Protein backbone atom coordinates (compact mmCIF):
# COMPACT_ATOMS: atom_id res chain seq x y z
CA MET A 1 0.03 0.02 -0.02
CA PRO A 2 1.50 3.42 -0.93
CA SER A 3 2.76 5.47 1.97
CA SER A 4 1.12 8.81 2.77
CA LEU A 5 4.42 10.18 4.09
CA ILE A 6 6.83 12.24 2.07
CA THR A 7 10.31 10.79 1.71
CA PRO A 8 13.04 13.52 1.72
CA VAL A 9 15.89 13.05 -0.72
CA ILE A 10 18.79 15.21 0.45
CA ILE A 11 21.43 15.93 -2.21
CA CYS A 12 24.64 16.30 -0.25
CA GLY A 13 27.48 16.77 -2.75
CA GLY A 14 29.20 19.89 -4.05
CA SER A 15 32.30 21.75 -3.04
CA GLY A 16 30.94 25.12 -1.85
CA THR A 17 33.92 27.03 -3.34
CA ARG A 18 32.11 30.41 -3.16
CA LEU A 19 32.42 30.33 0.63
CA TRP A 20 36.19 29.63 0.56
CA PRO A 21 38.27 29.52 2.76
CA LEU A 22 35.74 28.32 5.36
CA SER A 23 34.25 25.87 2.85
CA ARG A 24 36.58 23.66 0.82
CA GLU A 25 36.19 20.48 -1.18
CA SER A 26 37.50 18.40 1.76
CA GLN A 27 34.78 19.90 4.10
CA PRO A 28 32.24 21.86 2.10
CA LYS A 29 29.75 24.40 3.36
CA GLN A 30 26.86 21.98 4.03
CA PHE A 31 28.84 20.38 6.88
CA ILE A 32 30.04 23.58 8.56
CA PRO A 33 28.22 25.72 11.09
CA LEU A 34 27.85 29.10 9.32
CA GLY A 35 27.30 31.59 12.14
CA GLY A 36 25.22 29.02 14.14
CA GLU A 37 25.50 25.89 16.18
CA THR A 38 24.68 23.33 13.49
CA SER A 39 25.50 22.76 9.81
CA THR A 40 23.01 23.43 7.04
CA PHE A 41 22.83 19.69 6.50
CA GLN A 42 21.77 19.23 10.11
CA GLN A 43 19.25 22.05 9.64
CA VAL A 44 17.73 20.26 6.67
CA LEU A 45 17.48 17.10 8.81
CA ALA A 46 15.60 19.08 11.48
CA ARG A 47 13.16 20.54 8.91
CA VAL A 48 12.14 17.08 7.75
CA ALA A 49 12.05 15.46 11.18
CA ASP A 50 8.25 15.52 11.76
CA PRO A 51 7.24 11.85 11.60
CA GLY A 52 3.64 12.81 10.87
CA ILE A 53 4.71 14.30 7.55
CA PHE A 54 8.04 12.79 6.59
CA ALA A 55 9.49 9.30 6.27
CA PRO A 56 13.17 8.63 7.01
CA PRO A 57 15.30 10.43 4.39
CA ILE A 58 17.49 9.20 1.58
CA VAL A 59 20.87 10.99 1.47
CA VAL A 60 22.83 10.97 -1.80
CA THR A 61 26.41 12.03 -1.22
CA ASN A 62 29.95 11.53 -2.45
CA THR A 63 31.93 8.63 -1.06
CA GLU A 64 34.50 11.08 0.34
CA PHE A 65 31.84 12.59 2.61
CA ARG A 66 30.32 9.35 3.87
CA PHE A 67 31.63 9.44 7.48
CA THR A 68 30.87 13.10 7.90
CA VAL A 69 27.29 12.45 6.75
CA ALA A 70 26.96 9.46 9.06
CA ASP A 71 28.37 11.43 11.98
CA GLN A 72 26.05 14.38 11.53
CA LEU A 73 23.02 12.00 11.08
CA GLN A 74 23.92 10.32 14.34
CA ARG A 75 24.32 13.63 16.19
CA SER A 76 20.87 14.67 14.80
CA GLY A 77 19.31 11.40 15.93
CA VAL A 78 18.21 10.59 12.33
CA LYS A 79 18.37 7.25 10.55
CA ALA A 80 18.67 7.40 6.76
CA ASP A 81 19.58 5.45 3.64
CA ILE A 82 22.99 6.84 2.66
CA ILE A 83 23.67 6.29 -1.05
CA LEU A 84 27.25 6.91 -2.14
CA GLU A 85 28.14 8.26 -5.55
CA PRO A 86 31.62 7.17 -6.80
CA ILE A 87 31.85 10.56 -8.52
CA GLY A 88 29.53 13.58 -8.81
CA ARG A 89 27.43 13.64 -12.04
CA ASP A 90 25.23 16.70 -11.16
CA SER A 91 21.73 16.49 -9.76
CA GLY A 92 20.13 14.49 -12.66
CA PRO A 93 21.80 11.10 -12.02
CA ALA A 94 21.55 11.53 -8.26
CA ILE A 95 17.81 12.12 -8.41
CA ALA A 96 17.40 9.31 -10.95
CA VAL A 97 19.07 6.88 -8.53
CA ALA A 98 16.99 8.06 -5.59
CA ALA A 99 13.73 7.74 -7.56
CA GLU A 100 14.68 4.23 -8.77
CA PHE A 101 15.80 3.20 -5.25
CA ALA A 102 12.60 4.51 -3.60
CA GLY A 103 10.35 3.36 -6.44
CA ARG A 104 11.41 -0.30 -5.95
CA ARG A 105 9.92 -0.08 -2.44
CA ASP A 106 6.86 1.94 -3.48
CA ARG A 107 6.31 3.06 -7.08
CA GLU A 108 4.08 5.83 -5.90
CA ALA A 109 6.40 7.12 -3.17
CA ILE A 110 6.32 10.88 -2.91
CA LEU A 111 9.86 12.23 -2.93
CA LEU A 112 10.97 15.73 -1.72
CA VAL A 113 14.31 16.64 -3.23
CA LEU A 114 16.28 19.12 -1.07
CA ALA A 115 19.77 20.60 -1.29
CA ALA A 116 21.82 20.11 1.88
CA ASP A 117 23.35 23.59 1.74
CA HIS A 118 20.22 25.84 1.70
CA ILE A 119 18.87 27.92 4.63
CA VAL A 120 15.17 28.14 5.43
CA HIS A 121 14.12 30.48 8.27
CA ASP A 122 10.48 29.49 8.69
CA THR A 123 10.31 25.72 9.22
CA GLU A 124 6.55 25.65 9.80
CA ALA A 125 5.87 27.57 6.60
CA PHE A 126 8.18 25.11 4.81
CA ARG A 127 6.20 22.08 6.15
CA ARG A 128 2.93 23.68 5.26
CA SER A 129 4.18 24.25 1.73
CA CYS A 130 5.13 20.60 1.41
CA GLN A 131 1.64 19.60 2.51
CA GLN A 132 0.03 22.15 0.11
CA ALA A 133 2.01 20.66 -2.80
CA LEU A 134 1.32 17.01 -1.84
CA ALA A 135 -1.95 16.52 -3.67
CA ALA A 136 -0.54 17.92 -6.92
CA ALA A 137 2.52 15.61 -6.68
CA ALA A 138 0.30 12.62 -5.93
CA GLN A 139 -1.72 13.41 -9.07
CA GLY A 140 1.45 13.13 -11.19
CA HIS A 141 2.80 16.71 -11.30
CA LEU A 142 6.48 17.43 -10.80
CA VAL A 143 6.17 20.29 -8.33
CA THR A 144 8.87 22.83 -7.67
CA PHE A 145 8.80 25.60 -5.08
CA GLY A 146 8.92 29.16 -6.39
CA LEU A 147 10.03 31.84 -4.02
CA HIS A 148 8.46 35.25 -4.08
CA PRO A 149 11.55 37.51 -4.97
CA SER A 150 12.72 39.99 -2.42
CA GLY A 151 14.35 41.96 -5.25
CA PRO A 152 15.74 41.68 -8.79
CA ALA A 153 18.46 39.14 -8.09
CA THR A 154 20.63 38.09 -11.06
CA SER A 155 22.05 34.93 -9.35
CA TYR A 156 18.86 32.85 -9.56
CA GLY A 157 16.89 31.22 -12.35
CA TYR A 158 13.21 32.30 -12.53
CA ILE A 159 9.91 30.57 -13.14
CA ARG A 160 6.91 32.12 -14.86
CA PRO A 161 3.80 30.60 -13.31
CA GLY A 162 0.86 29.68 -15.46
CA ALA A 163 -2.73 28.90 -14.67
CA LYS A 164 -3.68 27.50 -11.29
CA LEU A 165 -4.41 23.76 -11.13
CA GLU A 166 -7.98 22.98 -10.16
CA ASP A 167 -8.73 23.38 -6.47
CA SER A 168 -5.08 24.00 -5.65
CA ALA A 169 -2.55 26.76 -4.86
CA VAL A 170 -0.20 25.08 -7.27
CA HIS A 171 0.22 26.52 -10.76
CA ALA A 172 1.31 24.99 -13.99
CA VAL A 173 4.80 26.17 -15.08
CA ALA A 174 4.52 28.48 -18.10
CA ALA A 175 8.32 28.77 -18.49
CA PHE A 176 11.66 28.29 -16.81
CA VAL A 177 14.14 31.11 -17.54
CA GLU A 178 17.87 31.37 -17.02
CA LYS A 179 19.66 33.79 -14.72
CA PRO A 180 18.89 37.24 -16.13
CA ASP A 181 20.74 40.58 -16.20
CA HIS A 182 19.59 43.25 -13.76
CA GLU A 183 17.17 44.97 -16.18
CA THR A 184 15.50 41.71 -17.09
CA ALA A 185 15.38 40.59 -13.46
CA THR A 186 13.63 43.84 -12.55
CA ARG A 187 10.98 43.14 -15.22
CA TYR A 188 10.56 39.58 -14.06
CA VAL A 189 9.93 40.68 -10.47
CA ALA A 190 7.33 43.30 -11.73
CA GLU A 191 5.61 40.60 -13.85
CA GLY A 192 5.18 38.06 -11.01
CA TYR A 193 7.99 35.68 -11.78
CA LEU A 194 9.31 33.43 -8.97
CA TRP A 195 12.81 32.42 -8.02
CA ASN A 196 13.67 28.80 -8.77
CA CYS A 197 15.05 27.33 -5.52
CA GLY A 198 15.73 23.86 -6.99
CA ASN A 199 13.55 21.92 -4.51
CA PHE A 200 11.09 19.40 -5.98
CA LEU A 201 8.17 17.18 -4.90
CA PHE A 202 7.05 14.39 -7.14
CA ARG A 203 5.93 10.77 -7.35
CA ALA A 204 8.82 8.33 -7.94
CA ASP A 205 7.13 6.65 -10.93
CA ARG A 206 6.31 9.92 -12.65
CA MET A 207 9.92 11.03 -12.48
CA LEU A 208 11.06 7.63 -13.82
CA GLU A 209 8.56 7.93 -16.69
CA GLU A 210 9.89 11.34 -17.61
CA LEU A 211 13.47 10.11 -17.48
CA ALA A 212 12.48 7.25 -19.73
CA GLN A 213 11.16 9.77 -22.25
CA PHE A 214 13.84 12.47 -22.10
CA GLU A 215 16.98 10.77 -20.64
CA PRO A 216 16.80 7.05 -21.34
CA GLN A 217 20.58 6.66 -20.90
CA MET A 218 20.43 8.34 -17.51
CA LEU A 219 17.59 6.09 -16.40
CA ALA A 220 19.34 2.94 -17.64
CA ALA A 221 22.48 3.91 -15.68
CA ALA A 222 20.39 4.58 -12.55
CA GLN A 223 18.62 1.19 -12.89
CA ALA A 224 21.89 -0.68 -13.43
CA SER A 225 23.46 1.15 -10.47
CA VAL A 226 20.55 0.21 -8.11
CA ASP A 227 20.66 -3.37 -9.43
CA ASP A 228 24.32 -3.66 -8.27
CA ILE A 229 24.25 -1.48 -5.19
CA ALA A 230 26.53 -2.78 -2.52
CA HIS A 231 26.22 -2.62 1.28
CA ASP A 232 29.32 -1.18 2.92
CA LEU A 233 29.00 -0.79 6.71
CA ASP A 234 25.90 1.50 6.99
CA PHE A 235 26.29 2.81 3.43
CA LEU A 236 24.85 1.89 0.04
CA ARG A 237 27.63 2.14 -2.55
CA LEU A 238 26.81 2.63 -6.23
CA PRO A 239 28.99 0.68 -8.74
CA GLU A 240 31.32 3.03 -10.57
CA LYS A 241 31.12 1.45 -14.02
CA ALA A 242 27.32 1.62 -14.17
CA PHE A 243 26.92 5.06 -12.57
CA LEU A 244 29.45 6.69 -14.94
CA GLN A 245 27.23 5.75 -17.88
CA ALA A 246 24.83 8.50 -16.75
CA PRO A 247 25.18 11.80 -18.61
CA LYS A 248 26.36 14.61 -16.38
CA LYS A 249 23.37 16.90 -16.27
CA SER A 250 21.16 18.80 -13.83
CA ILE A 251 17.58 17.60 -13.26
CA ASP A 252 16.44 21.05 -14.55
CA TYR A 253 17.94 20.43 -17.98
CA ALA A 254 17.27 16.69 -17.97
CA VAL A 255 13.53 16.83 -17.07
CA MET A 256 11.98 19.90 -15.51
CA GLU A 257 12.51 22.26 -18.52
CA ARG A 258 11.17 19.60 -20.94
CA THR A 259 8.26 17.92 -19.14
CA ALA A 260 4.65 18.74 -19.66
CA HIS A 261 3.94 17.98 -15.94
CA ALA A 262 6.01 20.75 -14.33
CA ALA A 263 4.17 22.75 -11.67
CA VAL A 264 5.11 25.42 -9.17
CA LEU A 265 3.88 26.33 -5.74
CA PRO A 266 4.57 30.04 -4.83
CA VAL A 267 6.07 30.07 -1.33
CA ASN A 268 7.62 32.45 1.12
CA PHE A 269 9.55 30.54 3.85
CA GLY A 270 12.67 32.62 4.12
CA TRP A 271 15.01 30.73 1.73
CA SER A 272 18.61 31.31 0.66
CA ASP A 273 21.15 29.10 -1.15
CA ILE A 274 23.93 31.11 0.60
CA GLY A 275 25.72 31.23 -2.74
CA SER A 276 28.26 33.89 -1.66
CA TRP A 277 29.64 35.57 1.45
CA ASN A 278 27.39 38.56 0.70
CA ALA A 279 24.33 36.29 0.60
CA LEU A 280 25.39 34.78 3.94
CA TRP A 281 25.81 38.27 5.46
CA LYS A 282 22.21 39.03 4.50
CA GLU A 283 20.93 35.93 6.24
CA LEU A 284 22.67 36.41 9.58
CA ALA A 285 21.97 38.73 12.48
CA HIS A 286 23.74 42.10 12.51
CA ASP A 287 24.86 44.42 15.33
CA LYS A 288 23.94 48.14 15.48
CA ASP A 289 26.65 48.88 12.80
CA GLY A 290 25.35 46.20 10.47
CA ASN A 291 28.23 43.85 11.14
CA THR A 292 28.16 40.05 11.54
CA THR A 293 31.04 38.50 13.41
CA ASP A 294 32.07 35.04 14.54
CA GLY A 295 35.12 34.00 16.54
CA PRO A 296 37.68 36.39 18.14
CA THR A 297 37.24 39.70 16.39
CA ALA A 298 37.76 43.43 17.11
CA LEU A 299 36.13 46.09 14.88
CA ILE A 300 36.42 49.91 14.92
CA ASP A 301 34.63 52.30 12.55
CA THR A 302 33.53 49.26 10.44
CA HIS A 303 30.06 48.91 9.03
CA ASN A 304 27.84 46.45 7.12
CA SER A 305 30.61 43.85 7.11
CA LEU A 306 31.09 40.14 7.84
CA VAL A 307 34.14 39.12 9.84
CA PHE A 308 34.73 35.45 10.64
CA SER A 309 37.81 34.28 12.51
CA ASP A 310 39.34 30.95 13.44
CA GLU A 311 38.99 30.20 17.18
CA THR A 312 42.78 30.63 17.68
CA ILE A 313 43.39 33.85 15.76
CA LEU A 314 42.24 37.43 16.56
CA THR A 315 41.05 39.31 13.44
CA ALA A 316 40.92 43.14 13.75
CA VAL A 317 39.33 45.47 11.24
CA ILE A 318 39.47 49.30 11.37
CA GLY A 319 37.74 51.87 9.14
CA LEU A 320 36.27 49.60 6.42
CA ASP A 321 32.72 49.20 5.21
CA ASP A 322 30.95 46.57 3.11
CA ILE A 323 33.71 43.98 3.24
CA VAL A 324 34.18 40.30 4.06
CA VAL A 325 37.18 39.10 6.12
CA VAL A 326 37.50 35.41 6.82
CA THR A 327 40.50 34.16 8.81
CA THR A 328 41.33 30.46 9.11
CA SER A 329 44.40 28.76 10.39
CA ASP A 330 46.08 28.67 6.94
CA ALA A 331 44.36 31.26 4.77
CA VAL A 332 42.85 34.83 5.00
CA LEU A 333 40.26 36.20 2.55
CA VAL A 334 39.53 39.94 2.24
CA VAL A 335 36.96 40.88 -0.36
CA SER A 336 34.35 43.60 -0.91
CA LYS A 337 30.79 42.25 -0.52
CA ALA A 338 30.03 43.59 -4.00
CA LYS A 339 32.77 41.27 -5.43
CA SER A 340 32.15 38.22 -3.27
CA GLU A 341 30.84 36.14 -6.21
CA LYS A 342 34.43 36.20 -7.55
CA VAL A 343 35.70 33.93 -4.76
CA ARG A 344 35.11 30.92 -7.06
CA GLU A 345 37.46 32.49 -9.63
CA LEU A 346 40.13 32.87 -6.88
CA VAL A 347 39.78 29.23 -5.87
CA ASN A 348 40.21 28.11 -9.52
CA GLN A 349 43.31 30.30 -9.66
CA LEU A 350 44.68 28.66 -6.56
CA LYS A 351 43.98 25.22 -7.94
CA GLY A 352 45.91 26.19 -11.10
CA THR A 353 49.00 26.79 -8.96
CA ALA A 354 48.43 23.58 -7.00
CA ARG A 355 47.90 25.28 -3.67
CA ARG A 356 46.76 22.80 -1.06
CA GLU A 357 44.66 25.53 0.62
CA ALA A 358 42.36 25.63 -2.37
CA THR A 359 40.83 22.24 -1.55
CA GLU A 360 41.98 21.09 1.90
CA HIS A 361 41.68 22.42 5.41
CA ARG A 362 44.49 22.19 7.88
CA ARG A 363 42.08 20.11 9.95
CA ILE A 364 41.48 16.79 8.19
CA HIS A 365 38.37 14.83 9.22
CA ARG A 366 38.40 11.08 9.49
CA PRO A 367 35.70 8.58 10.63
CA TRP A 368 37.47 8.28 14.02
CA GLY A 369 37.85 12.00 14.56
CA TYR A 370 40.34 14.47 13.02
CA TYR A 371 43.97 15.54 12.89
CA GLN A 372 45.36 19.02 12.39
CA GLY A 373 48.83 20.18 11.37
CA VAL A 374 50.70 22.24 14.02
CA ASP A 375 54.23 22.61 12.66
CA SER A 376 56.55 20.96 10.13
CA GLY A 377 60.14 20.96 8.93
CA PRO A 378 62.43 19.02 6.56
CA ARG A 379 62.37 15.76 8.62
CA TYR A 380 59.64 16.31 11.14
CA GLN A 381 55.93 17.09 11.44
CA VAL A 382 53.72 17.91 14.46
CA LYS A 383 49.99 17.13 14.54
CA ARG A 384 47.17 17.47 17.04
CA ILE A 385 45.00 14.27 16.92
CA VAL A 386 41.52 14.00 18.38
CA VAL A 387 39.84 10.56 18.55
CA LYS A 388 36.11 10.24 19.35
CA PRO A 389 35.03 7.98 22.19
CA GLY A 390 35.07 4.40 20.78
CA GLY A 391 37.09 5.61 17.77
CA GLN A 392 39.89 3.48 16.50
CA LEU A 393 42.57 4.18 13.88
CA SER A 394 43.53 1.41 11.45
CA LEU A 395 46.11 -1.18 12.32
CA GLN A 396 49.01 0.16 10.29
CA LYS A 397 52.75 0.65 9.78
CA HIS A 398 55.08 3.18 8.14
CA HIS A 399 58.22 2.58 6.07
CA HIS A 400 59.77 5.98 6.48
CA ARG A 401 58.84 7.53 9.89
CA ALA A 402 58.69 6.90 13.57
CA GLU A 403 56.07 8.57 15.82
CA HIS A 404 56.00 10.00 19.35
CA TRP A 405 52.62 10.43 20.99
CA VAL A 406 51.86 12.62 24.08
CA VAL A 407 48.36 12.35 25.60
CA VAL A 408 46.98 15.71 26.74
CA LYS A 409 43.39 14.66 27.38
CA GLY A 410 41.63 11.37 27.90
CA THR A 411 43.06 7.83 27.79
CA ALA A 412 44.68 6.07 24.85
CA GLN A 413 44.94 2.39 24.13
CA VAL A 414 48.00 1.83 21.90
CA VAL A 415 48.99 -1.39 20.28
CA VAL A 416 52.67 -1.62 19.23
CA ASN A 417 53.51 -4.91 17.62
CA ASP A 418 52.38 -7.50 20.23
CA THR A 419 52.18 -5.14 23.21
CA VAL A 420 48.97 -3.39 24.33
CA ASN A 421 49.58 -0.13 26.27
CA THR A 422 47.32 2.16 28.21
CA VAL A 423 48.53 5.73 28.08
CA TYR A 424 47.07 8.37 30.36
CA GLU A 425 47.12 12.20 30.41
CA ASN A 426 50.63 13.66 30.46
CA GLU A 427 52.17 10.32 29.43
CA SER A 428 53.86 9.47 26.16
CA ILE A 429 54.66 6.46 24.02
CA TYR A 430 57.14 5.91 21.16
CA VAL A 431 56.16 4.02 17.97
CA PRO A 432 59.31 2.88 16.16
CA LEU A 433 59.70 2.98 12.37
CA GLY A 434 58.22 -0.14 10.77
CA SER A 435 56.29 -1.29 13.83
CA VAL A 436 52.67 -2.44 13.49
CA HIS A 437 50.49 -0.19 15.62
CA ARG A 438 46.98 0.99 16.38
CA LEU A 439 45.53 3.88 18.40
CA SER A 440 42.11 3.62 20.05
CA ASN A 441 40.00 5.68 22.48
CA PRO A 442 38.39 3.30 25.03
CA GLY A 443 37.09 6.20 27.15
CA LYS A 444 33.90 8.26 27.40
CA ILE A 445 35.47 11.63 26.41
CA PRO A 446 37.43 12.71 23.31
CA LEU A 447 41.08 11.64 23.30
CA GLU A 448 43.50 14.42 22.43
CA LEU A 449 47.19 13.89 21.81
CA ILE A 450 50.20 15.56 20.18
CA GLU A 451 51.98 13.45 17.51
CA VAL A 452 55.55 14.17 16.45
CA GLN A 453 56.57 12.37 13.29
CA VAL A 454 60.26 12.06 12.42
CA GLY A 455 61.64 10.49 9.25
CA SER A 456 62.81 10.80 5.65
CA TYR A 457 59.25 10.97 4.23
CA LEU A 458 56.10 12.14 6.06
CA GLY A 459 53.35 11.92 3.42
CA GLU A 460 49.97 10.43 4.23
CA ASP A 461 50.49 7.78 1.55
CA ASP A 462 53.17 6.19 3.81
CA ILE A 463 50.38 4.37 5.68
CA VAL A 464 50.11 0.61 5.16
CA ARG A 465 46.72 -0.35 6.51
CA LEU A 466 46.51 -3.97 7.69
CA ASP A 467 43.05 -3.84 9.27
CA ASP A 468 40.44 -1.17 9.61
CA ILE A 469 36.98 -1.15 11.22
CA TYR A 470 35.89 1.47 8.64
CA LYS A 471 36.88 -0.83 5.75
CA ARG A 472 39.51 1.47 4.33
CA ALA A 473 42.25 -1.26 4.44
């Protein structure tokens, strides 16, 4: 029997380069608290947490983000199907896989496609909108949500609504239009066009039918991928060969702009895709001078600016207006709010010169916790390592380095060859070059230690994993 609940499909890929240096490919914006306590991914999970409206979600993400997704789901108290893409192919193949996966359980399942990196201020209005659109989706319409514009923005696509559907607040879509120039955007706002926020509500079988008509290769790749989906711990891993047969294309181009079943519900629930630092500044609370700050900052004669600073670094700004300053442990960005869209160009420039900072944070997240670089020289490297309670690094060895560990918080269990050691706060242990070793946290609080590596080669690829509870060996 078809379920009356809506199944959220959370698309959780992307690199978030426009919010560099806080957001980078190794830890993009959807997983980072942006002026709040929780990430935008966790905020999406909270929006769809009402069990009277929503079924457990499906999360489609990149394999590189799997442990971050699992960790934030656990912290949010949410169980989900986590589908791993071997490589990103835009939203079309991701949604095709989700529709095929959900459709095999219930062909008439109602799916709500959401981006993991969007902000919604009015959760109740959002939920009411989902319920308003439900009947139209159940009847076979592919419903998108159209935002009433707050002004003539040039960074969004627009939707021209057509006639209302019978006994519904939902309209047929008369046209989808690309991002306009300012003059055209002003006309669109005056004529009642809506912003296209890229969220969709539809029946699984209807989407699959439209894919069969317009993108048969994409549908075939999705079907073959779900046929051979593999269970890996708590994840569902798509086969690379089958998935890569899908054309790289957004769902807008693949289906929504071509289907005769597109519909739109005009909504106003306080939405933003936080596509730039300026957009984020608009969404956050300001002080009396119009400034938004986070972390250790000091401002004098500064107005209408956003200043974010790493927890260990003081950032001071004097006599500047309408700027963005973002300080991290390894990079500083200073840009006018008016030019904040150009951050993506900067990141591409940095990639072109092979700067590590373009894609990686100094803090590197792992399924067991994280490590962060502190200092380095020609034959040594110092790291801070934090292991979650119950976390365990792989059983491993190194060919080119020895390691010294000093515990500064918690209790470590350290295996070195055939010896099991318990190391307490303010104690240390030496791991000789070539020895087989493993670090674990058997305690109830995070384990923190300082690691000093010494050797002729200190790269991360000098790790020979012999066994790993996270199946990375």
